[in-house]
C-alpha atoms as a PDB file:
ATOM      1  CA  MET A   1       0.000   0.000   0.000  1.00  0.00           C
ATOM      2  CA  ALA A   2       2.849   2.374   0.878  1.00  0.00           C
ATOM      3  CA  ARG A   3       4.474   1.822  -2.495  1.00  0.00           C
ATOM      4  CA  ARG A   4       1.182   2.510  -4.282  1.00  0.00           C
ATOM      5  CA  THR A   5       0.743   5.744  -2.294  1.00  0.00           C
ATOM      6  CA  LYS A   6       4.253   6.823  -3.245  1.00  0.00           C
ATOM      7  CA  GLU A   7       3.561   6.168  -6.916  1.00  0.00           C
ATOM      8  CA  GLU A   8       0.334   8.142  -6.730  1.00  0.00           C
ATOM      9  CA  ALA A   9       2.124  11.047  -5.058  1.00  0.00           C
ATOM     10  CA  GLN A  10       4.756  11.040  -7.811  1.00  0.00           C
ATOM     11  CA  ALA A  11       2.034  11.032 -10.459  1.00  0.00           C
ATOM     12  CA  THR A  12       0.393  14.034  -8.784  1.00  0.00           C
ATOM     13  CA  ARG A  13       3.730  15.862  -8.687  1.00  0.00           C
ATOM     14  CA  VAL A  14       4.224  15.314 -12.416  1.00  0.00           C
ATOM     15  CA  GLN A  15       0.638  16.427 -13.047  1.00  0.00           C
ATOM     16  CA  ILE A  16       1.302  19.682 -11.140  1.00  0.00           C
ATOM     17  CA  LEU A  17       4.549  20.337 -13.003  1.00  0.00           C
ATOM     18  CA  ASP A  18       2.856  19.799 -16.371  1.00  0.00           C
ATOM     19  CA  ALA A  19       0.066  22.181 -15.377  1.00  0.00           C
ATOM     20  CA  ALA A  20       2.556  24.780 -14.143  1.00  0.00           C
ATOM     21  CA  GLU A  21       4.348  24.716 -17.481  1.00  0.00           C
ATOM     22  CA  ARG A  22       1.100  25.380 -19.326  1.00  0.00           C
ATOM     23  CA  VAL A  23      -0.007  28.168 -16.979  1.00  0.00           C
ATOM     24  CA  PHE A  24       3.422  29.835 -16.806  1.00  0.00           C
ATOM     25  CA  HIS A  25       3.712  29.689 -20.585  1.00  0.00           C
ATOM     26  CA  ALA A  26       0.268  31.185 -21.138  1.00  0.00           C
ATOM     27  CA  GLN A  27       0.424  33.928 -18.509  1.00  0.00           C
ATOM     28  CA  GLY A  28       4.060  34.413 -17.535  1.00  0.00           C
ATOM     29  CA  VAL A  29       5.465  33.340 -14.187  1.00  0.00           C
ATOM     30  CA  SER A  30       4.823  36.616 -12.343  1.00  0.00           C
ATOM     31  CA  ARG A  31       1.131  36.832 -13.279  1.00  0.00           C
ATOM     32  CA  ALA A  32       0.330  33.166 -12.745  1.00  0.00           C
ATOM     33  CA  SER A  33      -0.992  32.073  -9.359  1.00  0.00           C
ATOM     34  CA  LEU A  34      -0.706  28.726  -7.630  1.00  0.00           C
ATOM     35  CA  ALA A  35      -4.505  28.653  -7.493  1.00  0.00           C
ATOM     36  CA  GLU A  36      -4.563  28.728 -11.300  1.00  0.00           C
ATOM     37  CA  VAL A  37      -1.946  25.980 -11.431  1.00  0.00           C
ATOM     38  CA  ALA A  38      -4.038  23.890  -9.045  1.00  0.00           C
ATOM     39  CA  LYS A  39      -7.141  24.391 -11.180  1.00  0.00           C
ATOM     40  CA  GLU A  40      -5.253  23.462 -14.357  1.00  0.00           C
ATOM     41  CA  ALA A  41      -3.856  20.355 -12.669  1.00  0.00           C
ATOM     42  CA  GLY A  42      -7.204  19.368 -11.201  1.00  0.00           C
ATOM     43  CA  VAL A  43      -5.853  19.287  -7.640  1.00  0.00           C
ATOM     44  CA  SER A  44      -6.238  21.378  -4.493  1.00  0.00           C
ATOM     45  CA  ARG A  45      -3.824  24.143  -3.485  1.00  0.00           C
ATOM     46  CA  GLY A  46      -2.960  21.942  -0.535  1.00  0.00           C
ATOM     47  CA  ALA A  47      -1.688  19.289  -2.944  1.00  0.00           C
ATOM     48  CA  ILE A  48       0.655  21.846  -4.487  1.00  0.00           C
ATOM     49  CA  TYR A  49       2.012  22.889  -1.086  1.00  0.00           C
ATOM     50  CA  TRP A  50       2.498  19.241  -0.202  1.00  0.00           C
ATOM     51  CA  HIS A  51       4.996  18.930  -3.062  1.00  0.00           C
ATOM     52  CA  PHE A  52       6.352  22.470  -3.430  1.00  0.00           C
ATOM     53  CA  GLU A  53       7.126  25.174  -0.893  1.00  0.00           C
ATOM     54  CA  ASN A  54       6.136  28.100  -3.128  1.00  0.00           C
ATOM     55  CA  LYS A  55       6.109  29.309  -6.728  1.00  0.00           C
ATOM     56  CA  ILE A  56       9.903  29.578  -6.810  1.00  0.00           C
ATOM     57  CA  ASP A  57      10.268  25.978  -5.658  1.00  0.00           C
ATOM     58  CA  LEU A  58       7.770  24.872  -8.311  1.00  0.00           C
ATOM     59  CA  PHE A  59       9.606  26.837 -11.004  1.00  0.00           C
ATOM     60  CA  GLN A  60      12.949  25.302 -10.049  1.00  0.00           C
ATOM     61  CA  ALA A  61      11.502  21.796 -10.134  1.00  0.00           C
ATOM     62  CA  MET A  62      10.242  22.553 -13.624  1.00  0.00           C
ATOM     63  CA  LEU A  63      13.754  23.562 -14.693  1.00  0.00           C
ATOM     64  CA  GLU A  64      15.282  20.522 -13.044  1.00  0.00           C
ATOM     65  CA  ARG A  65      13.305  18.312 -15.421  1.00  0.00           C
ATOM     66  CA  LEU A  66      15.343  19.859 -18.244  1.00  0.00           C
ATOM     67  CA  ARG A  67      18.638  18.929 -16.636  1.00  0.00           C
ATOM     68  CA  LEU A  68      17.996  15.343 -15.599  1.00  0.00           C
ATOM     69  CA  PRO A  69      17.982  13.693 -19.066  1.00  0.00           C
ATOM     70  CA  LEU A  70      21.377  15.274 -19.824  1.00  0.00           C
ATOM     71  CA  GLU A  71      22.965  14.789 -16.416  1.00  0.00           C
ATOM     72  CA  GLU A  72      24.644  11.485 -17.229  1.00  0.00           C
ATOM     73  CA  LEU A  73      26.534  13.014 -20.154  1.00  0.00           C
ATOM     74  CA  ALA A  74      27.424  16.078 -18.104  1.00  0.00           C
ATOM     75  CA  ARG A  75      28.888  13.934 -15.330  1.00  0.00           C
ATOM     76  CA  ALA A  76      30.817  11.856 -17.852  1.00  0.00           C
ATOM     77  CA  SER A  77      32.471  14.939 -19.340  1.00  0.00           C
ATOM     78  CA  GLU A  78      33.457  16.058 -15.819  1.00  0.00           C
ATOM     79  CA  SER A  79      34.894  12.698 -14.788  1.00  0.00           C
ATOM     80  CA  GLU A  80      38.670  12.359 -14.761  1.00  0.00           C
ATOM     81  CA  ASP A  81      38.183   8.707 -15.731  1.00  0.00           C
ATOM     82  CA  GLU A  82      36.341   9.572 -18.960  1.00  0.00           C
ATOM     83  CA  PRO A  83      38.672   8.944 -21.943  1.00  0.00           C
ATOM     84  CA  ASP A  84      36.761  11.294 -24.263  1.00  0.00           C
ATOM     85  CA  PRO A  85      35.460  14.267 -22.228  1.00  0.00           C
ATOM     86  CA  LEU A  86      35.292  16.548 -25.260  1.00  0.00           C
ATOM     87  CA  GLY A  87      33.268  13.960 -27.158  1.00  0.00           C
ATOM     88  CA  CYS A  88      30.862  13.689 -24.227  1.00  0.00           C
ATOM     89  CA  MET A  89      30.527  17.474 -24.136  1.00  0.00           C
ATOM     90  CA  ARG A  90      29.857  17.586 -27.871  1.00  0.00           C
ATOM     91  CA  GLU A  91      27.136  14.957 -27.545  1.00  0.00           C
ATOM     92  CA  LEU A  92      25.655  16.795 -24.564  1.00  0.00           C
ATOM     93  CA  LEU A  93      25.448  20.139 -26.375  1.00  0.00           C
ATOM     94  CA  ILE A  94      23.982  18.607 -29.530  1.00  0.00           C
ATOM     95  CA  LYS A  95      21.330  16.798 -27.485  1.00  0.00           C
ATOM     96  CA  ALA A  96      20.482  20.012 -25.640  1.00  0.00           C
ATOM     97  CA  LEU A  97      19.792  21.857 -28.906  1.00  0.00           C
ATOM     98  CA  THR A  98      17.998  18.889 -30.466  1.00  0.00           C
ATOM     99  CA  ARG A  99      15.675  18.511 -27.466  1.00  0.00           C
ATOM    100  CA  LEU A 100      14.899  22.220 -27.607  1.00  0.00           C
ATOM    101  CA  ALA A 101      13.936  21.894 -31.271  1.00  0.00           C
ATOM    102  CA  CYS A 102      12.026  18.605 -31.090  1.00  0.00           C
ATOM    103  CA  GLU A 103      10.453  18.266 -27.639  1.00  0.00           C
ATOM    104  CA  PRO A 104       7.439  20.530 -26.943  1.00  0.00           C
ATOM    105  CA  GLN A 105       7.939  20.372 -23.179  1.00  0.00           C
ATOM    106  CA  THR A 106      11.587  21.412 -23.449  1.00  0.00           C
ATOM    107  CA  HIS A 107      10.690  24.167 -25.913  1.00  0.00           C
ATOM    108  CA  ARG A 108       7.936  25.467 -23.642  1.00  0.00           C
ATOM    109  CA  THR A 109      10.105  25.480 -20.523  1.00  0.00           C
ATOM    110  CA  HIS A 110      12.952  27.308 -22.240  1.00  0.00           C
ATOM    111  CA  ASP A 111      10.498  29.846 -23.617  1.00  0.00           C
ATOM    112  CA  ILE A 112       9.209  30.477 -20.091  1.00  0.00           C
ATOM    113  CA  LEU A 113      12.741  30.855 -18.753  1.00  0.00           C
ATOM    114  CA  ARG A 114      13.919  33.233 -21.484  1.00  0.00           C
ATOM    115  CA  TYR A 115      10.889  35.349 -22.205  1.00  0.00           C
ATOM    116  CA  LYS A 116       8.117  34.835 -19.652  1.00  0.00           C
ATOM    117  CA  CYS A 117       9.851  35.189 -16.299  1.00  0.00           C
ATOM    118  CA  GLU A 118      10.366  38.498 -14.473  1.00  0.00           C
ATOM    119  CA  TYR A 119      12.568  38.621 -11.387  1.00  0.00           C
ATOM    120  CA  THR A 120      10.227  40.952  -9.503  1.00  0.00           C
ATOM    121  CA  GLY A 121       7.938  40.774  -6.485  1.00  0.00           C
ATOM    122  CA  GLU A 122       7.688  37.279  -5.081  1.00  0.00           C
ATOM    123  CA  LEU A 123      10.229  36.080  -7.673  1.00  0.00           C
ATOM    124  CA  LEU A 124      13.091  38.274  -6.441  1.00  0.00           C
ATOM    125  CA  GLY A 125      14.591  35.280  -4.685  1.00  0.00           C
ATOM    126  CA  LEU A 126      14.543  33.349  -7.949  1.00  0.00           C
ATOM    127  CA  ARG A 127      17.150  35.705  -9.418  1.00  0.00           C
ATOM    128  CA  GLU A 128      19.666  34.662  -6.776  1.00  0.00           C
ATOM    129  CA  ARG A 129      18.938  30.994  -7.400  1.00  0.00           C
ATOM    130  CA  MET A 130      19.343  31.434 -11.153  1.00  0.00           C
ATOM    131  CA  GLN A 131      22.623  33.266 -10.603  1.00  0.00           C
ATOM    132  CA  ALA A 132      23.861  30.358  -8.480  1.00  0.00           C
ATOM    133  CA  LEU A 133      22.821  27.867 -11.172  1.00  0.00           C
ATOM    134  CA  SER A 134      24.619  29.886 -13.837  1.00  0.00           C
ATOM    135  CA  LEU A 135      27.822  30.007 -11.805  1.00  0.00           C
ATOM    136  CA  GLU A 136      27.573  26.282 -11.138  1.00  0.00           C
ATOM    137  CA  CYS A 137      27.167  25.693 -14.869  1.00  0.00           C
ATOM    138  CA  ASP A 138      30.305  27.718 -15.629  1.00  0.00           C
ATOM    139  CA  GLN A 139      32.262  25.724 -13.046  1.00  0.00           C
ATOM    140  CA  ARG A 140      31.077  22.405 -14.411  1.00  0.00           C
ATOM    141  CA  ILE A 141      31.926  23.415 -17.981  1.00  0.00           C
ATOM    142  CA  ALA A 142      35.373  24.546 -16.848  1.00  0.00           C
ATOM    143  CA  LYS A 143      35.945  21.183 -15.151  1.00  0.00           C
ATOM    144  CA  ALA A 144      34.965  19.315 -18.311  1.00  0.00           C
ATOM    145  CA  LEU A 145      37.269  21.526 -20.385  1.00  0.00           C
ATOM    146  CA  SER A 146      40.098  20.904 -17.939  1.00  0.00           C
ATOM    147  CA  ASN A 147      39.580  17.168 -18.401  1.00  0.00           C
ATOM    148  CA  ALA A 148      39.748  17.646 -22.166  1.00  0.00           C
ATOM    149  CA  VAL A 149      42.993  19.581 -21.756  1.00  0.00           C
ATOM    150  CA  ASN A 150      44.446  16.802 -19.624  1.00  0.00           C
ATOM    151  CA  LYS A 151      43.483  14.253 -22.288  1.00  0.00           C
ATOM    152  CA  GLY A 152      45.235  16.317 -24.973  1.00  0.00           C
ATOM    153  CA  GLN A 153      41.982  17.236 -26.719  1.00  0.00           C
ATOM    154  CA  LEU A 154      42.387  20.989 -26.204  1.00  0.00           C
ATOM    155  CA  PRO A 155      45.412  23.322 -25.975  1.00  0.00           C
ATOM    156  CA  SER A 156      47.438  22.863 -22.815  1.00  0.00           C
ATOM    157  CA  ASP A 157      47.318  26.596 -22.062  1.00  0.00           C
ATOM    158  CA  LEU A 158      43.548  26.983 -22.499  1.00  0.00           C
ATOM    159  CA  ASP A 159      42.042  29.439 -20.011  1.00  0.00           C
ATOM    160  CA  CYS A 160      39.312  27.034 -18.903  1.00  0.00           C
ATOM    161  CA  ALA A 161      37.415  29.586 -16.812  1.00  0.00           C
ATOM    162  CA  ARG A 162      37.192  32.113 -19.642  1.00  0.00           C
ATOM    163  CA  ALA A 163      36.476  29.412 -22.205  1.00  0.00           C
ATOM    164  CA  ALA A 164      33.625  28.123 -20.028  1.00  0.00           C
ATOM    165  CA  VAL A 165      32.036  31.572 -19.861  1.00  0.00           C
ATOM    166  CA  SER A 166      32.374  31.929 -23.637  1.00  0.00           C
ATOM    167  CA  LEU A 167      30.885  28.510 -24.380  1.00  0.00           C
ATOM    168  CA  HIS A 168      28.021  29.069 -21.930  1.00  0.00           C
ATOM    169  CA  ALA A 169      27.201  32.457 -23.457  1.00  0.00           C
ATOM    170  CA  TYR A 170      27.314  31.031 -26.986  1.00  0.00           C
ATOM    171  CA  MET A 171      24.847  28.254 -26.167  1.00  0.00           C
ATOM    172  CA  GLU A 172      22.535  30.610 -24.275  1.00  0.00           C
ATOM    173  CA  GLY A 173      22.601  32.976 -27.239  1.00  0.00           C
ATOM    174  CA  ILE A 174      21.760  30.264 -29.775  1.00  0.00           C
ATOM    175  CA  GLU A 175      18.845  29.071 -27.656  1.00  0.00           C
ATOM    176  CA  SER A 176      17.464  32.546 -26.929  1.00  0.00           C
ATOM    177  CA  ASN A 177      17.730  33.757 -30.519  1.00  0.00           C
ATOM    178  CA  TRP A 178      16.140  30.621 -31.956  1.00  0.00           C
ATOM    179  CA  LEU A 179      13.259  30.776 -29.481  1.00  0.00           C
ATOM    180  CA  LEU A 180      12.605  34.361 -30.514  1.00  0.00           C
ATOM    181  CA  VAL A 181      13.063  33.800 -34.246  1.00  0.00           C
ATOM    182  CA  PRO A 182      12.976  30.064 -35.135  1.00  0.00           C
ATOM    183  CA  ASN A 183      13.857  30.700 -38.766  1.00  0.00           C
ATOM    184  CA  PHE A 184      16.093  27.658 -39.325  1.00  0.00           C
ATOM    185  CA  ASP A 185      16.092  23.928 -38.583  1.00  0.00           C
ATOM    186  CA  LEU A 186      17.819  23.878 -35.203  1.00  0.00           C
ATOM    187  CA  ALA A 187      17.901  20.089 -34.931  1.00  0.00           C
ATOM    188  CA  GLN A 188      19.526  19.738 -38.347  1.00  0.00           C
ATOM    189  CA  GLN A 189      22.011  22.537 -37.662  1.00  0.00           C
ATOM    190  CA  ALA A 190      22.840  21.440 -34.091  1.00  0.00           C
ATOM    191  CA  PRO A 191      26.039  19.461 -34.888  1.00  0.00           C
ATOM    192  CA  ALA A 192      27.506  22.292 -36.967  1.00  0.00           C
ATOM    193  CA  LEU A 193      26.595  24.905 -34.365  1.00  0.00           C
ATOM    194  CA  VAL A 194      28.239  22.869 -31.616  1.00  0.00           C
ATOM    195  CA  ASP A 195      31.335  22.159 -33.704  1.00  0.00           C
ATOM    196  CA  THR A 196      31.656  25.907 -34.280  1.00  0.00           C
ATOM    197  CA  VAL A 197      31.920  26.674 -30.574  1.00  0.00           C
ATOM    198  CA  LEU A 198      34.249  23.721 -29.963  1.00  0.00           C
ATOM    199  CA  ASP A 199      36.540  25.034 -32.704  1.00  0.00           C
ATOM    200  CA  MET A 200      36.462  28.403 -30.933  1.00  0.00           C
ATOM    201  CA  LEU A 201      38.019  26.765 -27.864  1.00  0.00           C
ATOM    202  CA  ARG A 202      41.239  26.369 -29.819  1.00  0.00           C
ATOM    203  CA  SER A 203      41.493  30.104 -30.521  1.00  0.00           C
ATOM    204  CA  PRO A 204      44.642  31.894 -29.277  1.00  0.00           C
ATOM    205  CA  ALA A 205      42.296  34.465 -27.737  1.00  0.00           C
ATOM    206  CA  LEU A 206      41.274  31.875 -25.133  1.00  0.00           C
ATOM    207  CA  ARG A 207      44.803  31.039 -23.995  1.00  0.00           C
ATOM    208  CA  LEU A 208      46.143  31.925 -20.572  1.00  0.00           C
ATOM    209  CA  MET A 209      47.771  35.358 -20.392  1.00  0.00           C
ATOM    210  CA  THR A 210      48.778  37.988 -17.872  1.00  0.00           C
ATOM    211  CA  GLY A 211      46.418  40.833 -17.044  1.00  0.00           C
ATOM    212  CA  CYS A 212      43.294  38.705 -17.495  1.00  0.00           C
ATOM    213  CA  GLN A 213      41.345  37.507 -14.488  1.00  0.00           C
ATOM    214  CA  MET A 214      37.893  36.014 -14.407  1.00  0.00           C
ATOM    215  CA  PRO A 215      35.560  36.449 -11.422  1.00  0.00           C
ATOM    216  CA  GLY A 216      36.459  33.921  -8.732  1.00  0.00           C
ATOM    217  CA  GLU A 217      40.026  33.341  -9.939  1.00  0.00           C
ATOM    218  CA  VAL A 218      42.836  33.955  -7.461  1.00  0.00           C
ATOM    219  CA  GLY A 219      45.301  35.190 -10.007  1.00  0.00           C
ATOM    220  CA  CYS A 220      46.484  35.014 -13.609  1.00  0.00           C
ATOM    221  CA  ALA A 221      48.797  32.604 -15.291  1.00  0.00           C
ATOM    222  CA  VAL A 222      51.508  33.663 -17.726  1.00  0.00           C
ATOM    223  CA  ARG A 223      50.625  32.910 -21.304  1.00  0.00           C
ATOM    224  CA  THR A 224      52.606  30.142 -22.950  1.00  0.00           C
ATOM    225  CA  GLU A 225      53.121  29.604 -26.641  1.00  0.00           C
ATOM    226  CA  GLY A 226      51.360  26.707 -28.285  1.00  0.00           C
END
């Protein structure tokens, strides 16, 4: 009986998340209320508060569903035991763009995040959480790039912190621009778009040099030739 109750609770949680996506997408996160989410999901407000602390918690759970299918590849690229970290990263980035283009739920959630979420009022705290997630993403990318350097897949003097920021910004830009103006086949173009940014990582402009310090770095390394 306990197992059945747990399964039913999980089904209700998924039902609430699906409803939240539809309501947030139709109205924007700031204007949407948990009462409207409850009505869309066909549950009570109490059921929402059983699973989620508030609207911010619900929003974050919605975003987490985007990350989970890609987490295995992300962890592989960050693992020092992975023989092909750059290959794992390439596959991860291509899958991220392909899912955005082909999966309605992923498309809807990204659209909410980019264009239907205001960090005002009750969502002020969400800005801090999103900042923390962005910094964590930069750190994880930098770790994966460092693994690729150690495996000889990228230049030995790559500035991994700066390269991570550049790669992150590139991917965010592709996603945001395509969501606003989807005037090309993103799924078909995904491999070429990803290969473009991976080629960028070999640019001399992303090598370690003096006088360049990224936020959070203790100091700067002297640029080496290579």
